[in-house]
N, C-alpha and C. Protein backbone atom coordinates (compact mmCIF):
# COMPACT_ATOMS: atom_id res chain seq x y z
N UNK A 1 62.53 -19.53 -15.34
CA UNK A 1 63.55 -20.38 -15.90
C UNK A 1 64.91 -19.53 -15.99
N UNK A 2 64.82 -18.26 -16.45
CA UNK A 2 65.99 -17.47 -16.47
C UNK A 2 66.68 -17.35 -15.18
N UNK A 3 65.93 -17.27 -14.14
CA UNK A 3 66.49 -17.11 -12.82
C UNK A 3 67.33 -18.40 -12.41
N UNK A 4 66.78 -19.55 -12.70
CA UNK A 4 67.53 -20.80 -12.41
C UNK A 4 68.79 -20.85 -13.28
N UNK A 5 68.69 -20.49 -14.47
CA UNK A 5 69.83 -20.57 -15.38
C UNK A 5 70.90 -19.58 -14.96
N UNK A 6 70.62 -18.37 -14.57
CA UNK A 6 71.53 -17.46 -14.21
C UNK A 6 72.34 -17.83 -12.95
N UNK A 7 71.61 -18.52 -12.04
CA UNK A 7 72.28 -18.88 -10.83
C UNK A 7 72.69 -20.33 -10.73
N UNK A 8 72.60 -21.04 -11.91
CA UNK A 8 72.97 -22.43 -11.91
C UNK A 8 74.45 -22.64 -11.60
N UNK A 9 75.26 -21.82 -12.07
CA UNK A 9 76.75 -21.89 -11.71
C UNK A 9 76.87 -21.61 -10.20
N UNK A 10 76.19 -20.67 -9.68
CA UNK A 10 76.30 -20.38 -8.29
C UNK A 10 75.83 -21.57 -7.40
N UNK A 11 74.71 -22.16 -7.80
CA UNK A 11 74.34 -23.36 -7.08
C UNK A 11 75.51 -24.46 -7.06
N UNK A 12 76.02 -24.78 -8.20
CA UNK A 12 77.10 -25.75 -8.29
C UNK A 12 78.28 -25.34 -7.36
N UNK A 13 78.70 -24.07 -7.44
CA UNK A 13 79.80 -23.58 -6.68
C UNK A 13 79.45 -23.63 -5.15
N UNK A 14 78.27 -23.29 -4.84
CA UNK A 14 77.84 -23.25 -3.44
C UNK A 14 77.80 -24.66 -2.89
N UNK A 15 77.23 -25.58 -3.66
CA UNK A 15 77.22 -26.99 -3.23
C UNK A 15 78.65 -27.58 -2.99
N UNK A 16 79.52 -27.26 -3.99
CA UNK A 16 80.90 -27.74 -3.78
C UNK A 16 81.60 -27.10 -2.51
N UNK A 17 81.31 -25.85 -2.35
CA UNK A 17 81.98 -25.17 -1.24
C UNK A 17 81.35 -25.67 0.04
N UNK A 18 80.14 -25.82 0.15
CA UNK A 18 79.42 -26.31 1.34
C UNK A 18 79.87 -27.80 1.64
N UNK A 19 80.11 -28.51 0.59
CA UNK A 19 80.57 -29.94 0.75
C UNK A 19 82.03 -29.85 1.36
N UNK A 20 82.84 -29.02 0.86
CA UNK A 20 84.20 -28.89 1.36
C UNK A 20 84.29 -28.30 2.70
N UNK A 21 83.44 -27.33 3.09
CA UNK A 21 83.52 -26.62 4.32
C UNK A 21 82.76 -27.35 5.39
N UNK A 22 81.74 -28.04 5.07
CA UNK A 22 80.94 -28.86 6.12
C UNK A 22 79.68 -28.25 6.20
N UNK A 23 79.46 -26.97 6.16
CA UNK A 23 78.11 -26.42 6.49
C UNK A 23 78.01 -25.08 5.74
N UNK A 24 76.85 -24.57 5.62
CA UNK A 24 76.57 -23.30 4.94
C UNK A 24 77.29 -22.20 5.62
N UNK A 25 76.95 -21.99 6.89
CA UNK A 25 77.63 -20.87 7.58
C UNK A 25 79.23 -20.83 7.65
N UNK A 26 79.77 -22.13 7.65
CA UNK A 26 81.20 -22.25 7.59
C UNK A 26 81.75 -21.83 6.18
N UNK A 27 80.99 -22.21 5.13
CA UNK A 27 81.37 -21.80 3.83
C UNK A 27 81.42 -20.33 3.66
N UNK A 28 80.32 -19.76 4.21
CA UNK A 28 80.18 -18.26 3.89
C UNK A 28 81.23 -17.57 4.83
N UNK A 29 81.54 -18.11 5.95
CA UNK A 29 82.57 -17.59 6.80
C UNK A 29 83.93 -17.58 6.18
N UNK A 30 84.16 -18.71 5.40
CA UNK A 30 85.49 -18.79 4.67
C UNK A 30 85.57 -17.70 3.68
N UNK A 31 84.41 -17.49 2.83
CA UNK A 31 84.53 -16.54 1.78
C UNK A 31 84.64 -15.22 2.39
N UNK A 32 83.88 -14.85 3.43
CA UNK A 32 83.91 -13.67 4.12
C UNK A 32 85.17 -13.24 4.70
N UNK A 33 85.92 -14.23 5.24
CA UNK A 33 87.33 -13.95 5.75
C UNK A 33 88.28 -13.64 4.57
N UNK A 34 88.13 -14.37 3.39
CA UNK A 34 89.04 -14.09 2.30
C UNK A 34 88.69 -12.71 1.69
N UNK A 35 87.41 -12.33 1.70
CA UNK A 35 87.01 -11.13 1.03
C UNK A 35 87.49 -9.92 1.80
N UNK A 36 87.18 -9.95 3.11
CA UNK A 36 87.49 -8.80 3.95
C UNK A 36 88.69 -8.98 4.78
N UNK A 37 89.72 -9.55 4.00
CA UNK A 37 90.91 -9.70 4.62
C UNK A 37 91.54 -8.46 5.01
N UNK A 38 91.86 -8.28 6.27
CA UNK A 38 92.41 -7.04 6.79
C UNK A 38 93.72 -6.70 6.03
N UNK A 39 94.49 -7.63 5.76
CA UNK A 39 95.61 -7.38 5.03
C UNK A 39 95.55 -6.64 3.75
N UNK A 40 94.45 -7.15 2.97
CA UNK A 40 94.13 -6.51 1.59
C UNK A 40 93.79 -5.10 1.79
N UNK A 41 92.80 -4.87 2.76
CA UNK A 41 92.33 -3.62 2.98
C UNK A 41 93.39 -2.60 3.51
N UNK A 42 94.24 -3.13 4.37
CA UNK A 42 95.38 -2.34 4.92
C UNK A 42 96.30 -2.02 3.81
N UNK A 43 96.59 -2.98 2.94
CA UNK A 43 97.50 -2.72 1.77
C UNK A 43 96.97 -1.57 0.89
N UNK A 44 95.66 -1.57 0.62
CA UNK A 44 95.03 -0.51 -0.17
C UNK A 44 95.14 0.82 0.57
N UNK A 45 94.79 0.83 1.82
CA UNK A 45 94.99 2.06 2.58
C UNK A 45 96.36 2.60 2.62
N UNK A 46 97.32 1.69 2.84
CA UNK A 46 98.70 2.19 2.93
C UNK A 46 99.23 2.70 1.52
N UNK A 47 98.76 2.02 0.48
CA UNK A 47 99.07 2.55 -0.86
C UNK A 47 98.44 3.97 -1.12
N UNK A 48 97.27 4.06 -0.74
CA UNK A 48 96.54 5.44 -0.81
C UNK A 48 97.31 6.52 -0.08
N UNK A 49 97.72 6.21 1.15
CA UNK A 49 98.45 7.14 1.97
C UNK A 49 99.77 7.41 1.33
N UNK A 50 100.48 6.40 0.81
CA UNK A 50 101.75 6.65 0.15
C UNK A 50 101.63 7.56 -1.05
N UNK A 51 100.49 7.29 -1.74
CA UNK A 51 100.29 8.12 -3.08
C UNK A 51 100.05 9.59 -2.74
N UNK A 52 99.38 9.86 -1.60
CA UNK A 52 99.17 11.24 -1.23
C UNK A 52 100.46 11.88 -0.76
N UNK A 53 101.37 11.10 -0.01
CA UNK A 53 102.67 11.61 0.42
C UNK A 53 103.49 11.98 -0.77
N UNK A 54 103.55 11.02 -1.80
CA UNK A 54 104.31 11.19 -3.02
C UNK A 54 103.73 12.54 -3.67
N UNK A 55 102.48 12.60 -3.83
CA UNK A 55 101.90 13.78 -4.59
C UNK A 55 102.26 15.15 -3.89
N UNK A 56 102.26 15.12 -2.52
CA UNK A 56 102.50 16.30 -1.74
C UNK A 56 104.01 16.70 -2.05
N UNK A 57 104.87 15.70 -1.94
CA UNK A 57 106.27 16.00 -2.17
C UNK A 57 106.55 16.50 -3.52
N UNK A 58 105.85 15.80 -4.50
CA UNK A 58 106.08 16.34 -5.95
C UNK A 58 105.60 17.75 -6.04
N UNK A 59 104.52 18.12 -5.46
CA UNK A 59 103.99 19.43 -5.55
C UNK A 59 104.97 20.43 -4.92
N UNK A 60 105.44 20.05 -3.77
CA UNK A 60 106.43 20.94 -3.13
C UNK A 60 107.72 21.15 -3.92
N UNK A 61 108.17 19.99 -4.62
CA UNK A 61 109.35 20.24 -5.41
C UNK A 61 109.10 21.01 -6.58
N UNK A 62 108.04 20.84 -7.23
CA UNK A 62 107.61 21.65 -8.31
C UNK A 62 107.44 23.28 -8.01
N UNK A 63 106.91 23.43 -6.83
CA UNK A 63 106.68 24.86 -6.42
C UNK A 63 108.07 25.44 -6.06
N UNK A 64 108.91 24.71 -5.44
CA UNK A 64 110.22 25.13 -5.10
C UNK A 64 111.03 25.47 -6.37
N UNK A 65 110.95 24.66 -7.33
CA UNK A 65 111.66 24.94 -8.59
C UNK A 65 111.10 26.15 -9.32
N UNK A 66 109.77 26.30 -9.27
CA UNK A 66 109.24 27.47 -9.87
C UNK A 66 109.64 28.74 -9.22
N UNK A 67 109.81 28.72 -8.00
CA UNK A 67 110.18 29.93 -7.12
C UNK A 67 111.64 30.17 -7.06
N UNK A 68 112.48 29.44 -7.69
CA UNK A 68 113.95 29.68 -7.58
C UNK A 68 114.24 31.05 -8.05
N UNK A 69 113.89 31.41 -9.26
CA UNK A 69 114.30 32.64 -9.86
C UNK A 69 113.67 33.89 -8.98
N UNK A 70 112.43 33.75 -8.59
CA UNK A 70 111.77 34.75 -7.90
C UNK A 70 112.48 35.02 -6.53
N UNK A 71 112.91 33.95 -5.90
CA UNK A 71 113.64 34.05 -4.71
C UNK A 71 115.10 34.71 -4.82
N UNK A 72 115.71 34.24 -5.94
CA UNK A 72 117.03 34.82 -6.30
C UNK A 72 116.85 36.38 -6.50
N UNK A 73 115.77 36.79 -7.12
CA UNK A 73 115.61 38.17 -7.40
C UNK A 73 115.22 38.91 -6.06
N UNK A 74 114.57 38.24 -5.26
CA UNK A 74 114.15 38.83 -3.97
C UNK A 74 115.34 39.01 -3.06
N UNK A 75 116.20 38.03 -3.14
CA UNK A 75 117.61 38.15 -2.31
C UNK A 75 118.37 39.29 -2.92
N UNK A 76 118.46 39.34 -4.24
CA UNK A 76 119.29 40.34 -4.88
C UNK A 76 118.79 41.75 -4.58
N UNK A 77 117.39 41.85 -4.34
CA UNK A 77 116.83 43.15 -4.03
C UNK A 77 117.00 43.53 -2.58
N UNK A 78 117.81 42.68 -1.81
CA UNK A 78 118.06 42.94 -0.45
C UNK A 78 116.91 42.73 0.47
N UNK A 79 116.13 41.77 0.06
CA UNK A 79 114.95 41.35 0.80
C UNK A 79 113.93 42.48 0.95
N UNK A 80 113.73 43.14 -0.21
CA UNK A 80 112.85 44.37 -0.14
C UNK A 80 111.44 43.98 0.21
N UNK A 81 110.85 44.80 0.97
CA UNK A 81 109.45 44.54 1.44
C UNK A 81 108.56 44.83 0.28
N UNK A 82 108.90 45.74 -0.66
CA UNK A 82 108.04 45.94 -1.74
C UNK A 82 108.02 44.75 -2.74
N UNK A 83 109.21 44.24 -2.96
CA UNK A 83 109.29 43.12 -3.83
C UNK A 83 108.67 41.84 -3.27
N UNK A 84 108.66 41.70 -1.89
CA UNK A 84 108.07 40.56 -1.29
C UNK A 84 106.55 40.74 -1.43
N UNK A 85 105.97 41.92 -1.23
CA UNK A 85 104.53 42.01 -1.40
C UNK A 85 104.09 41.80 -2.84
N UNK A 86 104.94 42.19 -3.79
CA UNK A 86 104.50 41.95 -5.25
C UNK A 86 104.49 40.43 -5.54
N UNK A 87 105.40 39.65 -4.96
CA UNK A 87 105.56 38.26 -5.27
C UNK A 87 105.17 37.32 -4.06
N UNK A 88 104.27 37.82 -3.22
CA UNK A 88 104.00 37.16 -2.02
C UNK A 88 103.51 35.64 -2.17
N UNK A 89 102.73 35.41 -3.20
CA UNK A 89 102.16 34.10 -3.34
C UNK A 89 103.29 33.06 -3.78
N UNK A 90 104.12 33.41 -4.70
CA UNK A 90 105.23 32.50 -5.09
C UNK A 90 106.12 32.23 -3.97
N UNK A 91 106.48 33.31 -3.23
CA UNK A 91 107.38 33.23 -2.05
C UNK A 91 106.77 32.43 -0.86
N UNK A 92 105.52 32.51 -0.74
CA UNK A 92 104.75 31.74 0.35
C UNK A 92 104.83 30.20 -0.07
N UNK A 93 104.63 29.87 -1.32
CA UNK A 93 104.74 28.44 -1.86
C UNK A 93 106.17 27.95 -1.61
N UNK A 94 107.09 28.82 -1.82
CA UNK A 94 108.51 28.42 -1.61
C UNK A 94 108.76 28.12 -0.14
N UNK A 95 108.30 28.97 0.68
CA UNK A 95 108.52 28.81 2.16
C UNK A 95 107.79 27.49 2.65
N UNK A 96 106.56 27.17 2.14
CA UNK A 96 105.93 25.94 2.52
C UNK A 96 106.68 24.72 2.00
N UNK A 97 107.28 24.81 0.75
CA UNK A 97 108.13 23.75 0.28
C UNK A 97 109.36 23.52 1.19
N UNK A 98 109.92 24.69 1.54
CA UNK A 98 111.15 24.60 2.40
C UNK A 98 110.87 24.01 3.70
N UNK A 99 109.64 24.28 4.31
CA UNK A 99 109.27 23.70 5.56
C UNK A 99 109.11 22.21 5.41
N UNK A 100 108.45 21.80 4.26
CA UNK A 100 108.21 20.35 4.02
C UNK A 100 109.55 19.66 3.81
N UNK A 101 110.50 20.26 3.13
CA UNK A 101 111.89 19.58 3.00
C UNK A 101 112.43 19.48 4.30
N UNK A 102 112.38 20.51 5.19
CA UNK A 102 113.02 20.36 6.58
C UNK A 102 112.36 19.18 7.30
N UNK A 103 111.12 19.10 7.23
CA UNK A 103 110.47 17.89 7.93
C UNK A 103 110.93 16.57 7.38
N UNK A 104 110.97 16.55 5.99
CA UNK A 104 111.55 15.37 5.38
C UNK A 104 112.98 14.99 5.88
N UNK A 105 113.80 16.01 6.06
CA UNK A 105 115.21 15.77 6.56
C UNK A 105 115.14 15.29 7.99
N UNK A 106 114.17 15.92 8.82
CA UNK A 106 114.09 15.47 10.23
C UNK A 106 113.64 13.90 10.24
N UNK A 107 112.69 13.54 9.47
CA UNK A 107 112.16 12.18 9.44
C UNK A 107 113.16 11.19 8.84
N UNK A 108 113.89 11.54 7.87
CA UNK A 108 114.79 10.57 7.20
C UNK A 108 116.34 10.71 7.52
N UNK A 109 116.63 11.71 8.26
CA UNK A 109 117.96 11.95 8.64
C UNK A 109 118.62 12.90 7.64
N UNK A 110 119.72 13.51 8.21
CA UNK A 110 120.39 14.62 7.45
C UNK A 110 121.22 14.01 6.29
N UNK A 111 121.54 12.81 6.30
CA UNK A 111 122.29 12.14 5.29
C UNK A 111 121.49 11.85 4.05
N UNK A 112 120.12 11.78 4.26
CA UNK A 112 119.30 11.38 3.10
C UNK A 112 118.99 12.55 2.30
N UNK A 113 119.31 12.50 0.95
CA UNK A 113 119.07 13.59 0.12
C UNK A 113 117.51 13.69 -0.35
N UNK A 114 117.04 14.81 -0.70
CA UNK A 114 115.66 14.87 -1.10
C UNK A 114 115.40 14.09 -2.38
N UNK A 115 114.30 13.50 -2.49
CA UNK A 115 113.99 12.68 -3.67
C UNK A 115 113.93 13.52 -4.97
N UNK A 116 114.34 12.91 -6.04
CA UNK A 116 114.20 13.68 -7.30
C UNK A 116 112.85 13.48 -7.92
N UNK A 117 112.36 14.46 -8.58
CA UNK A 117 111.08 14.43 -9.22
C UNK A 117 110.83 13.24 -10.05
N UNK A 118 111.86 12.84 -10.89
CA UNK A 118 111.78 11.68 -11.74
C UNK A 118 111.54 10.34 -10.88
N UNK A 119 112.32 10.24 -9.79
CA UNK A 119 112.07 9.12 -8.89
C UNK A 119 110.74 9.07 -8.32
N UNK A 120 110.20 10.32 -7.87
CA UNK A 120 108.88 10.24 -7.36
C UNK A 120 107.79 9.90 -8.37
N UNK A 121 107.92 10.26 -9.54
CA UNK A 121 106.98 9.97 -10.64
C UNK A 121 107.01 8.39 -10.85
N UNK A 122 108.19 7.75 -10.83
CA UNK A 122 108.30 6.34 -10.98
C UNK A 122 107.77 5.59 -9.83
N UNK A 123 108.00 6.01 -8.57
CA UNK A 123 107.46 5.43 -7.52
C UNK A 123 105.87 5.57 -7.43
N UNK A 124 105.43 6.75 -7.79
CA UNK A 124 103.95 6.92 -7.93
C UNK A 124 103.28 6.03 -8.93
N UNK A 125 103.87 5.77 -9.97
CA UNK A 125 103.36 4.87 -10.99
C UNK A 125 103.26 3.39 -10.51
N UNK A 126 104.41 3.04 -9.76
CA UNK A 126 104.45 1.69 -9.22
C UNK A 126 103.42 1.46 -8.13
N UNK A 127 103.39 2.41 -7.26
CA UNK A 127 102.37 2.26 -6.14
C UNK A 127 100.91 2.33 -6.68
N UNK A 128 100.62 3.19 -7.58
CA UNK A 128 99.34 3.18 -8.21
C UNK A 128 98.93 1.92 -8.88
N UNK A 129 99.79 1.31 -9.61
CA UNK A 129 99.56 0.10 -10.25
C UNK A 129 99.38 -1.11 -9.20
N UNK A 130 100.08 -1.11 -8.16
CA UNK A 130 99.88 -2.08 -7.13
C UNK A 130 98.62 -1.86 -6.47
N UNK A 131 98.19 -0.63 -6.22
CA UNK A 131 96.91 -0.37 -5.54
C UNK A 131 95.76 -0.78 -6.49
N UNK A 132 95.91 -0.56 -7.69
CA UNK A 132 94.85 -0.94 -8.74
C UNK A 132 94.68 -2.48 -8.74
N UNK A 133 95.77 -3.21 -8.77
CA UNK A 133 95.73 -4.67 -8.80
C UNK A 133 95.09 -5.24 -7.53
N UNK A 134 95.57 -4.59 -6.39
CA UNK A 134 95.01 -5.15 -5.09
C UNK A 134 93.52 -4.80 -5.06
N UNK A 135 93.11 -3.68 -5.57
CA UNK A 135 91.67 -3.23 -5.41
C UNK A 135 90.77 -4.03 -6.35
N UNK A 136 91.40 -4.47 -7.48
CA UNK A 136 90.59 -5.30 -8.45
C UNK A 136 90.54 -6.72 -7.88
N UNK A 137 91.44 -7.26 -7.14
CA UNK A 137 91.32 -8.52 -6.46
C UNK A 137 90.30 -8.43 -5.37
N UNK A 138 90.34 -7.37 -4.58
CA UNK A 138 89.39 -7.14 -3.50
C UNK A 138 87.95 -7.13 -4.04
N UNK A 139 87.67 -6.33 -5.21
CA UNK A 139 86.40 -6.23 -5.75
C UNK A 139 85.93 -7.64 -6.24
N UNK A 140 86.85 -8.40 -6.80
CA UNK A 140 86.56 -9.73 -7.31
C UNK A 140 86.07 -10.58 -6.05
N UNK A 141 86.83 -10.68 -5.05
CA UNK A 141 86.55 -11.53 -3.87
C UNK A 141 85.19 -10.96 -3.25
N UNK A 142 85.03 -9.61 -3.21
CA UNK A 142 83.86 -9.19 -2.62
C UNK A 142 82.55 -9.50 -3.45
N UNK A 143 82.72 -9.54 -4.79
CA UNK A 143 81.66 -9.91 -5.69
C UNK A 143 81.36 -11.41 -5.48
N UNK A 144 82.35 -12.25 -5.33
CA UNK A 144 82.18 -13.73 -5.19
C UNK A 144 81.46 -13.90 -3.85
N UNK A 145 81.77 -13.11 -2.80
CA UNK A 145 81.10 -13.30 -1.55
C UNK A 145 79.71 -12.88 -1.60
N UNK A 146 79.33 -11.93 -2.35
CA UNK A 146 77.96 -11.48 -2.46
C UNK A 146 77.26 -12.51 -3.27
N UNK A 147 77.82 -13.16 -4.36
CA UNK A 147 77.19 -14.26 -4.99
C UNK A 147 76.90 -15.52 -4.15
N UNK A 148 77.84 -15.73 -3.38
CA UNK A 148 77.67 -16.86 -2.50
C UNK A 148 76.56 -16.62 -1.45
N UNK A 149 76.60 -15.41 -0.94
CA UNK A 149 75.50 -15.03 0.04
C UNK A 149 74.19 -15.18 -0.60
N UNK A 150 74.03 -14.73 -1.95
CA UNK A 150 72.82 -14.86 -2.70
C UNK A 150 72.43 -16.27 -2.87
N UNK A 151 73.43 -17.17 -3.23
CA UNK A 151 73.31 -18.47 -3.35
C UNK A 151 72.75 -19.14 -2.03
N UNK A 152 73.36 -18.72 -0.94
CA UNK A 152 72.95 -19.25 0.38
C UNK A 152 71.47 -18.88 0.72
N UNK A 153 71.18 -17.67 0.39
CA UNK A 153 69.75 -17.26 0.65
C UNK A 153 68.80 -18.11 -0.21
N UNK A 154 69.17 -18.23 -1.50
CA UNK A 154 68.32 -19.04 -2.42
C UNK A 154 68.20 -20.52 -2.00
N UNK A 155 69.25 -21.12 -1.48
CA UNK A 155 69.25 -22.48 -0.95
C UNK A 155 68.45 -22.53 0.29
N UNK A 156 68.50 -21.59 1.22
CA UNK A 156 67.70 -21.61 2.39
C UNK A 156 66.23 -21.45 2.08
N UNK A 157 65.89 -20.70 1.08
CA UNK A 157 64.51 -20.50 0.69
C UNK A 157 63.99 -21.81 0.08
N UNK A 158 64.79 -22.40 -0.72
CA UNK A 158 64.48 -23.66 -1.37
C UNK A 158 64.26 -24.74 -0.29
N UNK A 159 65.20 -24.90 0.66
CA UNK A 159 65.08 -25.81 1.71
C UNK A 159 63.88 -25.52 2.60
N UNK A 160 63.60 -24.32 2.81
CA UNK A 160 62.35 -24.01 3.62
C UNK A 160 61.10 -24.42 2.84
N UNK A 161 61.11 -24.26 1.52
CA UNK A 161 59.92 -24.71 0.69
C UNK A 161 59.82 -26.14 0.77
N UNK A 162 60.90 -26.85 0.71
CA UNK A 162 60.88 -28.33 0.68
C UNK A 162 60.42 -28.84 2.07
N UNK A 163 60.94 -28.23 3.16
CA UNK A 163 60.42 -28.69 4.43
C UNK A 163 58.94 -28.35 4.59
N UNK A 164 58.50 -27.17 4.11
CA UNK A 164 57.18 -26.80 4.25
C UNK A 164 56.22 -27.73 3.49
N UNK A 165 56.80 -28.12 2.25
CA UNK A 165 56.02 -29.04 1.44
C UNK A 165 55.96 -30.38 2.13
N UNK A 166 56.99 -30.88 2.68
CA UNK A 166 56.96 -32.14 3.39
C UNK A 166 56.04 -32.19 4.53
N UNK A 167 56.03 -31.06 5.30
CA UNK A 167 55.17 -31.00 6.51
C UNK A 167 53.65 -31.00 5.96
N UNK A 168 53.42 -30.30 4.84
CA UNK A 168 52.09 -30.27 4.32
C UNK A 168 51.63 -31.64 3.87
N UNK A 169 52.47 -32.41 3.23
CA UNK A 169 52.23 -33.72 2.78
C UNK A 169 51.96 -34.68 3.94
N UNK A 170 52.78 -34.48 5.01
CA UNK A 170 52.54 -35.36 6.12
C UNK A 170 51.31 -35.09 6.81
N UNK A 171 50.90 -33.86 6.86
CA UNK A 171 49.59 -33.46 7.44
C UNK A 171 48.46 -34.04 6.63
N UNK A 172 48.58 -33.98 5.27
CA UNK A 172 47.61 -34.57 4.43
C UNK A 172 47.48 -36.03 4.59
N UNK A 173 48.60 -36.75 4.75
CA UNK A 173 48.70 -38.17 4.93
C UNK A 173 47.96 -38.56 6.32
N UNK A 174 48.24 -37.83 7.29
CA UNK A 174 47.65 -38.02 8.60
C UNK A 174 46.11 -37.82 8.57
N UNK A 175 45.72 -36.79 7.81
CA UNK A 175 44.30 -36.50 7.71
C UNK A 175 43.64 -37.59 6.92
N UNK A 176 44.22 -38.11 5.88
CA UNK A 176 43.70 -39.23 5.02
C UNK A 176 43.60 -40.50 5.90
N UNK A 177 44.64 -40.78 6.85
CA UNK A 177 44.62 -41.90 7.62
C UNK A 177 43.43 -41.87 8.63
N UNK A 178 43.19 -40.68 9.17
CA UNK A 178 42.21 -40.40 10.26
C UNK A 178 40.80 -40.59 9.49
N UNK A 179 40.66 -40.24 8.26
CA UNK A 179 39.45 -40.43 7.59
C UNK A 179 38.96 -41.81 7.21
N UNK A 180 39.97 -42.59 7.09
CA UNK A 180 39.67 -43.91 6.80
C UNK A 180 39.12 -44.75 7.81
């Protein structure tokens, strides 16, 4: 009884959907197309890629800012080999950041200034929120699709039982007629 109660809502939704769509496979196809909408998945993937880009740029900006003083001292030392060896890690991070900035300028043009850290934090928050909303909607649609597939399987099993029961009753009726 618990099984029927739990899926009672699903049965009603499934009947309504199949009545609207015309047949069980058509109804499932509609849900499947909505759930696995390429646009939704593409949006999630694009947001994830943008989040990675923003995070990398933020890291480079932070590393560059941290290395400013060290590089100024290195330049003041006359680009001393000894000073370089002592601060190799910090200067290597600065060099990587500088290369990333050069690539950014190549991609976006010389007139485009580097983004500020504050702007990157704000954009990161916006993109993250959009990704969370899209993913929540995707999960909801996927869950609905799985529920409808479950309902379809249950309906198919019930229809099979009914057909099997009808066949069995017809065979019994035929046997009863033959016995008379």
